[in-house]
Structures are given as C-alpha cells and as structure tokens.
Amino acid sequence: MALHKGPQEEPEAELFRRLSLNPFYGEANPVGGMTEAPPRHRLPDGPLPPMSAYQLVRDELMLDGNSRLNLATFVTTWMEPQAGVLMNDCRDKNMIDKDEYPRTAELERRCVAMLAQLWNAPDPSAAVGCSTTGSSEACMLAGMALKRRWTKRNADRYPGARPNLVMGVNVQVCWEKFCNFWEVEPRLVPMEGDRFHLDAESAAALCDENTIGVVAVLGSTFDGSYEPVADICAALDALQERTGLDIPVHVDGASGAMIAPFVDEDLEWDFRQPRVSSINTSGHKYGLVYPGVGWALWRTPDELPEELVFRVNYLGGEMPTFALNFSRPGAQVVAQYYTFLRLGRSGYQAVQQTARDIARGLAERIDALGDFRLLTRGDQLPVFAFTTGPDVTAYDVFDVSRRLRESGWLVPAYTFPANRQDLSVLRVVCRNGFSADLAELFLEDLRRLLPELRRQPRPFTHDKAAATSFHH
C-alpha cells in the first residue's frame, strides 16, 4: 500500500473548508446543523449524522475514475447483484475463525479442491492450498515454502550460503518484495529485442546450488504474454541430468491460471508438469471476483513444509493456518465459490473466450489505424500492448494516455524494464464487463484524437515519469 505524509495545506485551505459544506448536508444535525465542513486531517470534535458523513465522503469519491473504463487494472470491476448480496451477508465474518464459521471454511476448502482439479493436480485430494488476500500474499507464501525447502536441503551450508530466485525482469513487484523481505537474491533475466519475458535457456543458465526455484509467469502484466512453462521445465530437467540440481518451478498464474484452463486446454503449464511445485492465482482478476482474494496451491503436502503451518486453538477448535494476514473477511471467498457454482466450466469458458475475442478484435483494429505497432495481440491473456509506429514523431504513448483520459478512459503508458527501457507502450486489459460496445466507443475516441495528435509540433511529455499518473 502507499505511504503517506502529513498534510501540507495552503493558507487558503481554511477558507475553502468553511465554504465547502452544502447547507443541506447538515439539516439533520440535532444540535442545530453544521456551519462548516469537518477537519480533513484530524478527528472531528464530535460525531456527524450518518447522512451528512455519507454525503461528504461520497462527494470526494465522485472524483475517482470510472472503474468500468479503467483499462489499466486487471481487477474485476463488475459482478452480478446476487454476488454483492452474498458478500454483504459475509462482510463481518473473519475468514480465520473457521470454528465459528464452519460453512464459510467449507466453501474455502471446496474452492481449493476445484482449483486442484482445474490445474490437473496428480491427486486433487492430496493437493493443499489456501485463500489469501490476493496474488501478492500467495506469492509470498509460495516463495517462503521454496526457501524453507531449500534451507532444509542445504542445512549444512546455510546460513553461510545465500539463496537466490530466478525470474524474468517482467515479474510483478511482489516478487521483488519477497526477495527483499526474506533476504533472497533476485536473479532477473532482462528483456532482449522482441523477447519481453523469461525464456527457458536464460532461466536454466542462472540456476545453481543456491537457487530455491524458478518463477514462471503465466500472463505478464507488461504485455499479456505467457512465459513458456513447459520449455522452462524441460530446460531444468536437462540441467538436473547434467548437474544433479533439482530446481522446482512456481507458476505465477495471477491472471493466466484462470484463463488457460478454459481457452488453452492443451497448454501444459500446470501440475501436469512434474516440476511445477506450486501455483497461485488472483480470484479478483480473471477469477471474476471483486478484490481481494487470491489462491495458493501446492502439488502435495510435501511441497509445503509443515513447520510453516501454525495451529492455534484460542478461537475455538484446532485451526491450522498458513497466511500472512490473520484477519480478513470471508466475503470474497464466498463470492469465489458463488462464481464457480454460477458459471461452471462452460460459463468460464464463454466469459474468457469473449474477453479474448474482444481483445484480439480491438488490437487488430488499432493496428489498422496505421499509427501504432502491436507488441502483443491479446491471443494469450485478453491483454495487448502497443506503441507508436516508427514514422510517428508528433506524439508519443504518454500523449495518447493523457488525451484518452479526457474522455474517461484510463489507459496506462509506461516504459519497459532492462534491457528495453527505450520502449514505451500503452496496454489495454479486456475484462468481463468490457463489452464489444465499450470497445467500439474506445476505438471511436481514439480515432477522434488522432488528427489532433498528428498536428502536434512534438510530443508534449518530455518528463515521461511525470507525464501520466500511470506506471507499471
């Protein structure tokens, strides 16, 4: 989460504070109404009527962007009303209190079993897993399990030896956090040319006796592409034959683990690969649930060291738990089960195929405009990235992002990491709720802007880091 500093208010702020309150908002106040708005950066001296507090907060939130028009986020922005009712029913249930809320705990267990079967665990009944607040926590848990297993195998050398984790430079920032927090050396494979993610040869080349695992991303957030999980596993198999090193693979399927099982059924990225030890996904992305819920699964109990599992009884009953958070609502887990039950395999397949079809169609039509060059086409994740063509000199991707925001569209523009910092792109995420009609409206707005952008004397965004509030 973001870090915040104390307020730095202008001298005029006090005047505006006194004038900022709509008189209607204070009508219900039993002590005679409010004459000025409450302070923003300290607790008010006394309570407000519920409707007054509601209106004040709602007024501020109106300035947020429209989440349905946010083509930057992978997070679900639409669910059926029935799911919202169920979530409201469960918002006061702490997910960790499994003895007090046994049915909520049972729904979590069923979701884990469904995912184990969906991801082709050799014995779904033997796979172990848990819900989390999102993929970031799930990745932390998977990384901790990898490190602990490596530590046990190397007890005679540890802590003198420093563990490392091999991954592409395109990984989500949670993996950099994991390495920082748990003192693991990140070994990052840079981008090269038109290769924008980890490749098998580079992954194997960076592994040694101190490697706790390789992270393969099924759906890069930079461009929506799948990393070649099967090829990476094959390269590590060959490495083991040559050197005896047995390096496990964790698949970060934050998005792709809820796409590939339904629209890429023949792609063997999951537990069908014996070297895949664990998988995570975000239920609140293409799992189609409001934030935040994630899932982490291990092939067998042996992949998750027993000493990482804590058992407490002070909430009533024996309760094994493996999580960083001890308190979180059960609402999202219930919503995940509802969505699994509601859609089933064929329903998920229809939703994800529609999202992919919209992404591919929109990418092709943007390509046909002539001003842009596609890096990906939405044929893996329903996500595509594009940049300006080589002949475009009047504007850049940051200008496009800024101008689209004037019409309400939130489209991120950002630079790629090493060794392609020279490449700046726009990325469009097509989710459930981003319909063909909305895609058509987006394309119309983009077309409308192009003549004005072409007439610019030069790109207006010299400082690209400050040109847009979006960054990867």
Protein backbone atom coordinates (compact mmCIF):
# COMPACT_ATOMS: atom_id res chain seq x y z
CA MET A 1 0.00 0.00 0.00
CA ALA A 2 1.04 3.60 -0.46
CA LEU A 3 2.98 5.53 2.15
CA HIS A 4 1.52 8.87 3.18
CA LYS A 5 2.94 12.04 4.67
CA GLY A 6 1.17 14.62 6.77
CA PRO A 7 -0.92 17.34 5.12
CA GLN A 8 0.70 20.39 3.51
CA GLU A 9 -2.25 22.77 3.23
CA GLU A 10 -2.23 26.14 1.52
CA PRO A 11 -3.25 29.24 3.55
CA GLU A 12 -6.48 29.47 1.57
CA ALA A 13 -7.48 25.94 2.61
CA GLU A 14 -9.19 27.15 5.79
CA LEU A 15 -11.45 29.49 3.82
CA PHE A 16 -12.45 26.74 1.41
CA ARG A 17 -13.06 24.39 4.31
CA ARG A 18 -15.58 26.84 5.74
CA LEU A 19 -17.27 27.25 2.37
CA SER A 20 -17.14 23.63 1.24
CA LEU A 21 -20.20 22.31 3.10
CA ASN A 22 -23.54 22.12 1.33
CA PRO A 23 -26.06 23.50 3.87
CA PHE A 24 -28.45 20.64 3.09
CA TYR A 25 -25.96 18.12 4.47
CA GLY A 26 -26.32 19.48 8.00
CA GLU A 27 -30.10 19.68 8.17
CA ALA A 28 -30.46 16.50 10.20
CA ASN A 29 -27.93 17.50 12.85
CA PRO A 30 -29.76 17.50 16.21
CA VAL A 31 -27.53 20.24 17.63
CA GLY A 32 -28.52 22.82 15.06
CA GLY A 33 -26.75 21.87 11.87
CA MET A 34 -23.17 22.31 10.74
CA THR A 35 -21.73 25.68 9.82
CA GLU A 36 -18.55 24.31 8.25
CA ALA A 37 -17.10 21.08 6.98
CA PRO A 38 -15.31 18.83 9.48
CA PRO A 39 -11.48 18.78 9.53
CA ARG A 40 -9.81 16.54 6.98
CA HIS A 41 -6.60 15.58 8.76
CA ARG A 42 -7.63 15.19 12.38
CA LEU A 43 -10.58 13.61 14.11
CA PRO A 44 -13.63 15.89 14.36
CA ASP A 45 -14.53 17.07 17.83
CA GLY A 46 -17.83 15.24 17.75
CA PRO A 47 -19.99 12.89 15.68
CA LEU A 48 -21.82 13.69 12.45
CA PRO A 49 -25.24 12.46 11.37
CA PRO A 50 -24.88 9.35 9.19
CA MET A 51 -26.28 11.01 6.06
CA SER A 52 -24.01 14.03 6.43
CA ALA A 53 -20.92 11.84 6.75
CA TYR A 54 -22.09 9.75 3.80
CA GLN A 55 -22.59 12.76 1.54
CA LEU A 56 -19.21 14.27 2.41
CA VAL A 57 -17.37 11.05 1.65
CA ARG A 58 -19.41 10.38 -1.50
CA ASP A 59 -18.65 13.84 -2.87
CA GLU A 60 -14.91 13.16 -2.66
CA LEU A 61 -15.23 9.72 -4.26
CA MET A 62 -17.00 11.19 -7.28
CA LEU A 63 -13.60 12.43 -8.45
CA ASP A 64 -12.25 8.89 -8.76
CA GLY A 65 -12.06 7.40 -12.22
CA ASN A 66 -14.84 5.14 -13.51
CA SER A 67 -13.67 1.60 -12.77
CA ARG A 68 -15.51 0.14 -15.77
CA LEU A 69 -13.48 2.42 -18.07
CA ASN A 70 -10.21 1.54 -16.34
CA LEU A 71 -8.26 -0.40 -18.95
CA ALA A 72 -5.18 -0.40 -16.71
CA THR A 73 -6.45 -2.70 -14.00
CA PHE A 74 -6.65 -6.48 -14.14
CA VAL A 75 -9.05 -6.42 -11.17
CA THR A 76 -12.71 -7.38 -11.54
CA THR A 77 -14.95 -4.31 -11.75
CA TRP A 78 -18.35 -5.98 -12.27
CA MET A 79 -20.23 -8.80 -10.58
CA GLU A 80 -23.85 -9.84 -10.52
CA PRO A 81 -26.08 -8.27 -7.84
CA GLN A 82 -26.59 -11.67 -6.20
CA ALA A 83 -22.86 -11.90 -5.56
CA GLY A 84 -22.97 -8.48 -3.94
CA VAL A 85 -25.76 -9.61 -1.62
CA LEU A 86 -23.77 -12.67 -0.54
CA MET A 87 -20.67 -10.56 0.05
CA ASN A 88 -22.70 -8.14 2.17
CA ASP A 89 -24.02 -11.08 4.20
CA CYS A 90 -20.44 -12.20 4.94
CA ARG A 91 -18.61 -8.91 5.36
CA ASP A 92 -18.49 -9.29 9.16
CA LYS A 93 -17.13 -12.86 9.16
CA ASN A 94 -13.42 -13.21 9.82
CA MET A 95 -12.09 -15.86 7.44
CA ILE A 96 -9.67 -17.13 10.06
CA ASP A 97 -12.43 -18.06 12.53
CA LYS A 98 -13.06 -21.44 10.97
CA ASP A 99 -14.59 -22.98 14.07
CA GLU A 100 -17.13 -20.16 14.41
CA TYR A 101 -17.89 -20.02 10.68
CA PRO A 102 -17.58 -23.65 9.58
CA ARG A 103 -19.65 -23.28 6.41
CA THR A 104 -17.51 -20.39 5.17
CA ALA A 105 -14.44 -22.55 5.87
CA GLU A 106 -16.05 -25.40 3.95
CA LEU A 107 -16.62 -23.17 0.92
CA GLU A 108 -12.92 -22.22 1.02
CA ARG A 109 -11.99 -25.92 1.12
CA ARG A 110 -14.24 -26.63 -1.86
CA CYS A 111 -12.64 -23.81 -3.86
CA VAL A 112 -9.19 -25.28 -3.19
CA ALA A 113 -10.41 -28.70 -4.35
CA MET A 114 -11.92 -27.21 -7.50
CA LEU A 115 -8.68 -25.40 -8.34
CA ALA A 116 -6.61 -28.54 -7.71
CA GLN A 117 -8.77 -30.39 -10.21
CA LEU A 118 -8.77 -27.46 -12.65
CA TRP A 119 -4.96 -27.27 -12.55
CA ASN A 120 -4.57 -31.03 -13.07
CA ALA A 121 -3.02 -31.98 -9.74
CA PRO A 122 -1.97 -35.67 -9.93
CA ASP A 123 -4.16 -36.40 -6.93
CA PRO A 124 -6.52 -33.47 -6.32
CA SER A 125 -7.38 -34.83 -2.88
CA ALA A 126 -3.70 -34.63 -1.88
CA ALA A 127 -3.08 -31.07 -3.08
CA VAL A 128 -3.05 -28.45 -0.35
CA GLY A 129 -3.90 -24.80 -0.61
CA CYS A 130 -5.47 -21.74 0.97
CA SER A 131 -7.13 -18.47 0.14
CA THR A 132 -5.19 -15.22 0.50
CA THR A 133 -5.85 -11.51 0.17
CA GLY A 134 -4.54 -11.66 -3.41
CA SER A 135 -1.70 -12.98 -5.52
CA SER A 136 0.85 -10.85 -3.71
CA GLU A 137 0.28 -12.73 -0.47
CA ALA A 138 0.01 -16.02 -2.35
CA CYS A 139 3.40 -15.38 -3.99
CA MET A 140 4.94 -14.58 -0.60
CA LEU A 141 3.66 -17.89 0.79
CA ALA A 142 4.89 -19.85 -2.22
CA GLY A 143 8.28 -18.15 -2.01
CA MET A 144 8.54 -18.92 1.71
CA ALA A 145 7.85 -22.60 1.02
CA LEU A 146 10.53 -22.67 -1.70
CA LYS A 147 13.08 -21.05 0.57
CA ARG A 148 12.32 -23.31 3.54
CA ARG A 149 12.63 -26.45 1.42
CA TRP A 150 15.97 -25.21 0.05
CA THR A 151 17.15 -24.39 3.58
CA LYS A 152 16.35 -27.90 4.80
CA ARG A 153 18.17 -29.45 1.85
CA ASN A 154 21.21 -27.25 2.49
CA ALA A 155 21.25 -27.27 6.30
CA ASP A 156 24.98 -27.99 6.31
CA ARG A 157 25.74 -24.85 4.26
CA TYR A 158 23.03 -22.42 5.38
CA PRO A 159 23.07 -19.62 6.58
CA GLY A 160 26.51 -19.10 5.03
CA ALA A 161 25.10 -19.65 1.54
CA ARG A 162 22.77 -17.03 0.09
CA PRO A 163 19.62 -18.36 -1.59
CA ASN A 164 18.52 -16.97 -4.94
CA LEU A 165 15.36 -16.95 -7.02
CA VAL A 166 15.41 -16.92 -10.84
CA MET A 167 12.74 -14.98 -12.74
CA GLY A 168 12.21 -12.57 -15.60
CA VAL A 169 12.58 -8.84 -15.08
CA ASN A 170 8.90 -8.58 -16.04
CA VAL A 171 7.65 -10.19 -12.79
CA GLN A 172 5.14 -8.35 -10.68
CA VAL A 173 6.68 -6.20 -7.94
CA CYS A 174 5.51 -8.62 -5.22
CA TRP A 175 8.41 -10.92 -6.17
CA GLU A 176 10.91 -8.12 -5.67
CA LYS A 177 9.30 -7.51 -2.29
CA PHE A 178 9.59 -11.18 -1.41
CA CYS A 179 13.31 -11.21 -2.19
CA ASN A 180 13.82 -8.03 -0.19
CA PHE A 181 11.77 -9.08 2.84
CA TRP A 182 13.09 -12.66 3.05
CA GLU A 183 16.71 -11.93 2.05
CA VAL A 184 16.78 -13.84 -1.21
CA GLU A 185 18.95 -12.76 -4.12
CA PRO A 186 16.74 -11.93 -7.14
CA ARG A 187 18.28 -13.20 -10.36
CA LEU A 188 16.43 -11.31 -13.06
CA VAL A 189 16.61 -12.19 -16.73
CA PRO A 190 16.42 -8.92 -18.71
CA MET A 191 14.37 -8.36 -21.83
CA GLU A 192 16.24 -8.57 -25.13
CA GLY A 193 15.00 -7.45 -28.54
CA ASP A 194 11.48 -8.76 -29.07
CA ARG A 195 11.70 -11.18 -26.13
CA PHE A 196 9.75 -9.49 -23.35
CA HIS A 197 9.74 -12.26 -20.73
CA LEU A 198 11.68 -15.18 -19.30
CA ASP A 199 12.94 -17.85 -21.69
CA ALA A 200 13.98 -21.41 -20.85
CA GLU A 201 17.66 -21.14 -21.75
CA SER A 202 18.22 -17.97 -19.73
CA ALA A 203 16.38 -19.41 -16.72
CA ALA A 204 18.48 -22.56 -16.60
CA ALA A 205 21.71 -20.62 -17.10
CA LEU A 206 21.15 -18.61 -13.91
CA CYS A 207 20.42 -21.59 -11.66
CA ASP A 208 22.97 -23.02 -9.25
CA GLU A 209 23.08 -24.93 -5.95
CA ASN A 210 21.66 -21.91 -4.13
CA THR A 211 18.59 -21.49 -6.37
CA ILE A 212 15.39 -22.04 -4.39
CA GLY A 213 13.24 -22.07 -7.53
CA VAL A 214 12.30 -20.52 -10.85
CA VAL A 215 9.21 -18.30 -11.19
CA ALA A 216 7.36 -18.67 -14.49
CA VAL A 217 4.64 -16.10 -15.14
CA LEU A 218 1.52 -17.23 -16.96
CA GLY A 219 0.49 -13.84 -18.25
CA SER A 220 2.97 -10.99 -17.96
CA THR A 221 1.45 -7.74 -16.74
CA PHE A 222 3.70 -5.83 -19.16
CA ASP A 223 2.20 -7.24 -22.35
CA GLY A 224 -0.17 -10.14 -21.55
CA SER A 225 2.12 -12.87 -22.88
CA TYR A 226 2.56 -16.34 -21.38
CA GLU A 227 6.01 -17.46 -20.33
CA PRO A 228 6.92 -20.93 -21.74
CA VAL A 229 6.36 -23.01 -18.60
CA ALA A 230 6.80 -26.38 -20.34
CA ASP A 231 10.05 -25.27 -22.02
CA ILE A 232 11.39 -23.92 -18.72
CA CYS A 233 10.59 -27.23 -17.01
CA ALA A 234 12.30 -29.15 -19.82
CA ALA A 235 15.41 -26.98 -19.54
CA LEU A 236 15.52 -27.61 -15.78
CA ASP A 237 15.08 -31.35 -16.40
CA ALA A 238 18.13 -31.24 -18.66
CA LEU A 239 20.01 -29.23 -16.03
CA GLN A 240 19.26 -31.90 -13.43
CA GLU A 241 20.54 -34.62 -15.74
CA ARG A 242 23.81 -32.72 -16.22
CA THR A 243 24.40 -31.43 -12.70
CA GLY A 244 22.04 -33.18 -10.28
CA LEU A 245 20.40 -29.84 -9.37
CA ASP A 246 16.68 -30.31 -8.77
CA ILE A 247 15.10 -26.85 -9.16
CA PRO A 248 11.35 -26.53 -8.55
CA VAL A 249 9.11 -24.17 -10.54
CA HIS A 250 6.43 -21.90 -9.17
CA VAL A 251 3.86 -20.67 -11.69
CA ASP A 252 2.63 -17.16 -11.02
CA GLY A 253 -0.74 -17.51 -12.66
CA ALA A 254 -2.23 -14.33 -11.18
CA SER A 255 -4.21 -13.88 -14.38
CA GLY A 256 -3.42 -16.76 -16.72
CA ALA A 257 -4.26 -19.57 -14.30
CA MET A 258 -7.92 -18.54 -14.68
CA ILE A 259 -7.66 -18.11 -18.45
CA ALA A 260 -5.61 -21.04 -19.78
CA PRO A 261 -7.68 -23.88 -18.25
CA PHE A 262 -10.72 -22.69 -20.18
CA VAL A 263 -9.41 -21.43 -23.52
CA ASP A 264 -5.96 -23.08 -23.80
CA GLU A 265 -6.79 -26.55 -22.52
CA ASP A 266 -3.94 -28.25 -24.40
CA LEU A 267 -1.29 -25.93 -22.95
CA GLU A 268 0.58 -27.93 -20.28
CA TRP A 269 1.63 -25.20 -17.88
CA ASP A 270 0.18 -26.57 -14.63
CA PHE A 271 0.64 -29.62 -12.35
CA ARG A 272 0.83 -31.81 -15.46
CA GLN A 273 4.44 -30.62 -15.42
CA PRO A 274 6.03 -32.69 -12.61
CA ARG A 275 8.49 -29.89 -11.87
CA VAL A 276 5.70 -27.42 -11.06
CA SER A 277 5.61 -27.34 -7.27
CA SER A 278 3.06 -24.59 -6.64
CA ILE A 279 0.67 -22.23 -8.41
CA ASN A 280 -1.03 -19.01 -7.41
CA THR A 281 -3.85 -17.02 -8.94
CA SER A 282 -5.90 -13.92 -8.20
CA GLY A 283 -9.56 -14.71 -7.75
CA HIS A 284 -10.19 -10.99 -8.07
CA LYS A 285 -8.71 -10.83 -11.58
CA TYR A 286 -9.88 -13.33 -14.17
CA GLY A 287 -11.37 -15.37 -11.35
CA LEU A 288 -14.17 -12.77 -11.72
CA VAL A 289 -14.49 -11.76 -8.05
CA TYR A 290 -14.28 -8.29 -6.52
CA PRO A 291 -10.99 -7.61 -4.67
CA GLY A 292 -9.39 -9.00 -2.80
CA VAL A 293 -8.94 -12.75 -2.91
CA GLY A 294 -6.12 -14.94 -4.11
CA TRP A 295 -5.29 -18.63 -4.02
CA ALA A 296 -2.09 -20.60 -3.45
CA LEU A 297 -1.87 -24.34 -4.11
CA TRP A 298 0.91 -26.90 -3.67
CA ARG A 299 1.11 -30.18 -5.58
CA THR A 300 1.36 -32.31 -2.39
CA PRO A 301 1.73 -31.65 1.35
CA ASP A 302 5.45 -32.37 0.96
CA GLU A 303 5.81 -29.18 -1.11
CA LEU A 304 4.58 -27.10 1.85
CA PRO A 305 6.88 -27.60 4.86
CA GLU A 306 4.89 -28.50 7.94
CA GLU A 307 6.79 -26.04 10.15
CA LEU A 308 5.30 -23.13 8.18
CA VAL A 309 1.78 -24.15 9.21
CA PHE A 310 0.62 -22.73 12.55
CA ARG A 311 -2.04 -24.26 14.72
CA VAL A 312 -3.92 -22.21 17.27
CA ASN A 313 -6.92 -23.03 19.45
CA TYR A 314 -7.75 -19.73 21.11
CA LEU A 315 -10.51 -19.00 18.57
CA GLY A 316 -12.12 -22.33 19.40
CA GLY A 317 -11.20 -25.64 17.83
CA GLU A 318 -7.95 -26.78 16.29
CA MET A 319 -7.12 -24.46 13.42
CA PRO A 320 -4.16 -24.91 11.04
CA THR A 321 -3.33 -21.69 9.21
CA PHE A 322 -0.76 -20.59 6.67
CA ALA A 323 -1.15 -16.92 5.84
CA LEU A 324 0.43 -13.53 6.44
CA ASN A 325 -2.88 -11.98 7.47
CA PHE A 326 -4.79 -13.25 10.45
CA SER A 327 -7.93 -11.18 9.91
CA ARG A 328 -9.75 -10.74 6.62
CA PRO A 329 -13.37 -11.00 5.54
CA GLY A 330 -14.88 -14.21 4.26
CA ALA A 331 -16.97 -12.29 1.71
CA GLN A 332 -14.59 -12.68 -1.22
CA VAL A 333 -14.11 -16.41 -0.63
CA VAL A 334 -17.89 -16.86 -0.60
CA ALA A 335 -18.09 -14.79 -3.80
CA GLN A 336 -15.47 -17.04 -5.41
CA TYR A 337 -17.48 -20.14 -4.59
CA TYR A 338 -20.64 -18.45 -5.88
CA THR A 339 -18.88 -17.65 -9.17
CA PHE A 340 -17.53 -21.20 -9.54
CA LEU A 341 -21.01 -22.56 -8.85
CA ARG A 342 -22.74 -19.99 -11.04
CA LEU A 343 -20.60 -20.36 -14.16
CA GLY A 344 -19.08 -23.82 -14.13
CA ARG A 345 -16.56 -24.79 -16.78
CA SER A 346 -18.66 -23.82 -19.77
CA GLY A 347 -19.61 -20.48 -18.25
CA TYR A 348 -15.99 -19.58 -17.51
CA GLN A 349 -15.02 -20.70 -20.99
CA ALA A 350 -17.65 -18.42 -22.53
CA VAL A 351 -16.63 -15.41 -20.43
CA GLN A 352 -12.89 -15.80 -21.02
CA GLN A 353 -13.26 -16.55 -24.74
CA THR A 354 -15.41 -13.45 -25.13
CA ALA A 355 -12.79 -11.33 -23.38
CA ARG A 356 -10.08 -12.75 -25.64
CA ASP A 357 -12.17 -12.21 -28.79
CA ILE A 358 -12.76 -8.58 -27.83
CA ALA A 359 -9.06 -8.08 -27.10
CA ARG A 360 -7.98 -9.60 -30.40
CA GLY A 361 -10.57 -7.68 -32.39
CA LEU A 362 -9.69 -4.36 -30.75
CA ALA A 363 -5.96 -4.98 -31.20
CA GLU A 364 -6.43 -5.69 -34.91
CA ARG A 365 -8.46 -2.51 -35.42
CA ILE A 366 -5.89 -0.40 -33.58
CA ASP A 367 -3.20 -1.96 -35.73
CA ALA A 368 -5.20 -1.00 -38.85
CA LEU A 369 -5.14 2.69 -37.85
CA GLY A 370 -1.56 2.85 -39.09
CA ASP A 371 -0.16 4.97 -36.25
CA PHE A 372 0.65 2.11 -33.90
CA ARG A 373 2.68 -1.09 -33.74
CA LEU A 374 1.36 -4.06 -31.75
CA LEU A 375 3.70 -5.90 -29.39
CA THR A 376 1.07 -8.47 -28.46
CA ARG A 377 -2.36 -9.19 -29.90
CA GLY A 378 -4.49 -10.37 -26.97
CA ASP A 379 -4.28 -14.02 -28.03
CA GLN A 380 -2.94 -15.23 -24.66
CA LEU A 381 -4.21 -13.08 -21.82
CA PRO A 382 -7.02 -10.84 -23.13
CA VAL A 383 -4.44 -8.07 -22.89
CA PHE A 384 -2.37 -6.35 -25.53
CA ALA A 385 0.39 -3.77 -25.62
CA PHE A 386 1.19 -1.37 -28.44
CA THR A 387 3.48 1.54 -29.15
CA THR A 388 3.65 4.31 -31.73
CA GLY A 389 4.92 3.42 -35.18
CA PRO A 390 8.42 4.37 -36.34
CA ASP A 391 7.09 7.23 -38.51
CA VAL A 392 5.13 8.88 -35.69
CA THR A 393 7.11 11.84 -34.34
CA ALA A 394 4.44 14.36 -33.36
CA TYR A 395 3.24 12.50 -30.29
CA ASP A 396 4.10 9.54 -28.06
CA VAL A 397 2.25 6.99 -25.96
CA PHE A 398 2.15 9.33 -22.99
CA ASP A 399 0.29 11.93 -25.06
CA VAL A 400 -2.21 9.26 -26.10
CA SER A 401 -2.77 8.18 -22.49
CA ARG A 402 -3.26 11.77 -21.35
CA ARG A 403 -5.73 12.61 -24.10
CA LEU A 404 -7.76 9.41 -23.66
CA ARG A 405 -8.20 10.29 -20.01
CA GLU A 406 -10.10 13.39 -21.09
CA SER A 407 -12.80 11.03 -22.36
CA GLY A 408 -12.76 8.94 -19.18
CA TRP A 409 -10.55 6.10 -20.45
CA LEU A 410 -7.76 5.10 -18.09
CA VAL A 411 -5.02 3.55 -20.24
CA PRO A 412 -1.54 3.12 -18.76
CA ALA A 413 1.57 4.31 -20.59
CA TYR A 414 4.93 3.13 -19.27
CA THR A 415 8.44 2.14 -20.23
CA PHE A 416 9.70 -1.43 -20.26
CA PRO A 417 12.45 -2.57 -17.87
CA ALA A 418 16.04 -3.63 -18.64
CA ASN A 419 17.19 -4.06 -21.34
CA ARG A 420 14.30 -2.39 -23.19
CA GLN A 421 13.97 0.90 -21.33
CA ASP A 422 13.90 2.51 -24.76
CA LEU A 423 10.44 1.06 -25.40
CA SER A 424 7.35 2.94 -24.19
CA VAL A 425 3.95 1.31 -24.60
CA LEU A 426 0.24 1.52 -23.94
CA ARG A 427 -1.58 -1.51 -22.54
CA VAL A 428 -5.26 -2.44 -22.75
CA VAL A 429 -6.74 -5.02 -20.35
CA CYS A 430 -10.01 -6.53 -21.54
CA ARG A 431 -12.04 -7.93 -18.64
CA ASN A 432 -15.53 -9.24 -18.14
CA GLY A 433 -17.71 -6.14 -18.35
CA PHE A 434 -15.59 -4.51 -21.07
CA SER A 435 -18.10 -5.30 -23.78
CA ALA A 436 -17.85 -5.08 -27.56
CA ASP A 437 -19.91 -1.87 -27.35
CA LEU A 438 -17.41 -0.30 -24.94
CA ALA A 439 -14.55 -1.44 -27.16
CA GLU A 440 -16.23 0.30 -30.10
CA LEU A 441 -16.62 3.50 -28.07
CA PHE A 442 -12.97 3.33 -27.04
CA LEU A 443 -11.88 2.95 -30.66
CA GLU A 444 -14.09 5.89 -31.71
CA ASP A 445 -12.50 8.13 -29.07
CA LEU A 446 -9.00 7.04 -30.11
CA ARG A 447 -9.76 7.73 -33.78
CA ARG A 448 -11.16 11.15 -32.88
CA LEU A 449 -7.96 12.12 -31.07
CA LEU A 450 -5.52 11.08 -33.78
CA PRO A 451 -5.92 14.10 -36.10
CA GLU A 452 -5.20 16.47 -33.20
CA LEU A 453 -2.25 14.39 -32.03
CA ARG A 454 -0.80 14.30 -35.55
CA ARG A 455 -0.89 18.11 -35.68
CA GLN A 456 1.25 18.50 -32.57
CA PRO A 457 4.66 20.04 -33.22
CA ARG A 458 6.28 17.46 -30.97
CA PRO A 459 5.43 15.11 -28.07
CA PHE A 460 4.34 17.23 -25.11
CA THR A 461 5.57 14.81 -22.46
CA HIS A 462 9.28 15.48 -22.02
CA ASP A 463 9.31 14.07 -18.49
CA LYS A 464 7.72 10.70 -19.14
CA ALA A 465 7.75 9.69 -15.48
CA ALA A 466 5.53 12.65 -14.63
CA ALA A 467 3.53 12.65 -17.85
CA THR A 468 0.89 10.30 -16.56
CA SER A 469 -0.20 9.05 -13.17
CA PHE A 470 0.03 5.50 -14.51
CA HIS A 471 3.17 3.46 -14.13
CA HIS A 472 3.67 -0.28 -14.13
